[in-house]
C-alpha atoms as a PDB file:
ATOM      1  CA  UNK A   1       3.783  24.546  19.301  1.00  0.00           C
ATOM      2  CA  UNK A   2       6.619  24.883  21.346  1.00  0.00           C
ATOM      3  CA  UNK A   3       8.548  21.474  22.759  1.00  0.00           C
ATOM      4  CA  UNK A   4      12.280  21.513  24.276  1.00  0.00           C
ATOM      5  CA  UNK A   5      12.538  17.874  23.089  1.00  0.00           C
ATOM      6  CA  UNK A   6      14.600  18.296  19.530  1.00  0.00           C
ATOM      7  CA  UNK A   7      11.461  17.628  17.648  1.00  0.00           C
ATOM      8  CA  UNK A   8      10.786  20.777  15.287  1.00  0.00           C
ATOM      9  CA  UNK A   9       7.212  20.414  14.441  1.00  0.00           C
ATOM     10  CA  UNK A  10       6.940  23.434  12.074  1.00  0.00           C
ATOM     11  CA  UNK A  11       9.778  21.972  10.147  1.00  0.00           C
ATOM     12  CA  UNK A  12       7.970  18.817   9.724  1.00  0.00           C
ATOM     13  CA  UNK A  13       4.809  20.313   8.965  1.00  0.00           C
ATOM     14  CA  UNK A  14       5.876  22.782   6.353  1.00  0.00           C
ATOM     15  CA  UNK A  15       7.337  19.407   4.619  1.00  0.00           C
ATOM     16  CA  UNK A  16       3.877  17.838   4.514  1.00  0.00           C
ATOM     17  CA  UNK A  17       3.012  17.205   0.546  1.00  0.00           C
ATOM     18  CA  UNK A  18       0.258  14.861   1.261  1.00  0.00           C
ATOM     19  CA  UNK A  19      -3.488  15.265   2.676  1.00  0.00           C
ATOM     20  CA  UNK A  20      -3.247  15.646   6.250  1.00  0.00           C
ATOM     21  CA  UNK A  21      -6.153  15.064   8.821  1.00  0.00           C
ATOM     22  CA  UNK A  22      -5.757  17.090  12.222  1.00  0.00           C
ATOM     23  CA  UNK A  23      -8.426  16.135  14.271  1.00  0.00           C
ATOM     24  CA  UNK A  24      -8.426  18.331  17.658  1.00  0.00           C
ATOM     25  CA  UNK A  25     -10.896  18.184  20.878  1.00  0.00           C
ATOM     26  CA  UNK A  26     -13.731  20.120  22.117  1.00  0.00           C
ATOM     27  CA  UNK A  27     -11.408  22.342  23.754  1.00  0.00           C
ATOM     28  CA  UNK A  28      -8.069  22.475  21.452  1.00  0.00           C
ATOM     29  CA  UNK A  29      -4.699  22.630  22.146  1.00  0.00           C
ATOM     30  CA  UNK A  30      -3.600  23.816  19.151  1.00  0.00           C
ATOM     31  CA  UNK A  31      -4.775  26.864  16.696  1.00  0.00           C
ATOM     32  CA  UNK A  32      -6.241  26.201  13.390  1.00  0.00           C
ATOM     33  CA  UNK A  33      -4.879  29.255  11.981  1.00  0.00           C
ATOM     34  CA  UNK A  34      -1.446  28.276  13.250  1.00  0.00           C
ATOM     35  CA  UNK A  35      -1.316  24.673  11.847  1.00  0.00           C
ATOM     36  CA  UNK A  36      -3.377  25.984   8.635  1.00  0.00           C
ATOM     37  CA  UNK A  37      -0.410  28.541   8.141  1.00  0.00           C
ATOM     38  CA  UNK A  38       2.466  25.716   7.824  1.00  0.00           C
ATOM     39  CA  UNK A  39       0.125  22.665   6.050  1.00  0.00           C
ATOM     40  CA  UNK A  40      -1.401  23.635   2.623  1.00  0.00           C
ATOM     41  CA  UNK A  41      -2.833  20.018   2.560  1.00  0.00           C
ATOM     42  CA  UNK A  42      -4.669  20.638   6.076  1.00  0.00           C
ATOM     43  CA  UNK A  43      -8.359  19.218   6.570  1.00  0.00           C
ATOM     44  CA  UNK A  44      -9.186  20.569  10.078  1.00  0.00           C
ATOM     45  CA  UNK A  45     -11.822  18.763  12.192  1.00  0.00           C
ATOM     46  CA  UNK A  46     -12.675  18.834  15.933  1.00  0.00           C
ATOM     47  CA  UNK A  47     -14.683  16.521  17.965  1.00  0.00           C
ATOM     48  CA  UNK A  48     -17.536  17.785  19.942  1.00  0.00           C
ATOM     49  CA  UNK A  49     -17.786  16.606  23.884  1.00  0.00           C
ATOM     50  CA  UNK A  50     -14.374  14.911  24.149  1.00  0.00           C
ATOM     51  CA  UNK A  51     -10.905  15.628  25.242  1.00  0.00           C
ATOM     52  CA  UNK A  52      -7.586  14.187  24.218  1.00  0.00           C
ATOM     53  CA  UNK A  53      -9.021  10.699  23.762  1.00  0.00           C
ATOM     54  CA  UNK A  54     -11.386  11.761  20.911  1.00  0.00           C
ATOM     55  CA  UNK A  55     -10.729   9.103  18.873  1.00  0.00           C
ATOM     56  CA  UNK A  56     -12.072   6.435  21.770  1.00  0.00           C
ATOM     57  CA  UNK A  57     -14.893   8.537  23.448  1.00  0.00           C
ATOM     58  CA  UNK A  58     -16.163   9.499  19.850  1.00  0.00           C
ATOM     59  CA  UNK A  59     -15.447   6.913  17.338  1.00  0.00           C
ATOM     60  CA  UNK A  60     -18.187   7.802  15.315  1.00  0.00           C
ATOM     61  CA  UNK A  61     -17.571  11.465  14.828  1.00  0.00           C
ATOM     62  CA  UNK A  62     -13.715  10.899  14.073  1.00  0.00           C
ATOM     63  CA  UNK A  63     -14.555   8.017  11.526  1.00  0.00           C
ATOM     64  CA  UNK A  64     -16.818  10.446   9.998  1.00  0.00           C
ATOM     65  CA  UNK A  65     -14.264  13.041   9.691  1.00  0.00           C
ATOM     66  CA  UNK A  66     -11.438  10.325   8.137  1.00  0.00           C
ATOM     67  CA  UNK A  67     -14.452   9.032   5.477  1.00  0.00           C
ATOM     68  CA  UNK A  68     -15.060  12.675   4.346  1.00  0.00           C
ATOM     69  CA  UNK A  69     -11.332  13.429   3.930  1.00  0.00           C
ATOM     70  CA  UNK A  70     -10.795  10.116   1.823  1.00  0.00           C
ATOM     71  CA  UNK A  71     -13.784  11.002  -0.315  1.00  0.00           C
ATOM     72  CA  UNK A  72     -12.486  14.364  -1.145  1.00  0.00           C
ATOM     73  CA  UNK A  73      -9.292  13.236  -2.273  1.00  0.00           C
ATOM     74  CA  UNK A  74      -9.770   9.526  -3.611  1.00  0.00           C
ATOM     75  CA  UNK A  75     -13.098   9.048  -4.214  1.00  0.00           C
ATOM     76  CA  UNK A  76     -13.039   6.864  -7.601  1.00  0.00           C
ATOM     77  CA  UNK A  77      -9.845   5.223  -7.175  1.00  0.00           C
ATOM     78  CA  UNK A  78      -9.940   1.500  -7.929  1.00  0.00           C
ATOM     79  CA  UNK A  79     -10.638  -0.852  -4.900  1.00  0.00           C
ATOM     80  CA  UNK A  80     -11.953   2.168  -3.056  1.00  0.00           C
ATOM     81  CA  UNK A  81     -15.458   1.287  -2.229  1.00  0.00           C
ATOM     82  CA  UNK A  82     -17.797   4.659  -0.641  1.00  0.00           C
ATOM     83  CA  UNK A  83     -18.866   1.809   1.625  1.00  0.00           C
ATOM     84  CA  UNK A  84     -15.831   1.106   3.142  1.00  0.00           C
ATOM     85  CA  UNK A  85     -15.343   5.066   3.868  1.00  0.00           C
ATOM     86  CA  UNK A  86     -18.339   5.342   6.373  1.00  0.00           C
END
């Protein structure tokens, strides 16, 4: 997670206080245990059969992961219909 661009990912990730969905590609560039050690609210997902543009190549997989995470945290909130999460 190193980048010599002035952005300090570790500090940013340690300050995440809301549910965070991290969707990795088939061959991940980030290690789950590294991210999980920094973010206590992490939901980890991985698409199968994709590379960098997993949201464009396999939108059904990505949308299912988004829906699952939203259901876990926000199910039952007024105005949030289950059908809108699929």
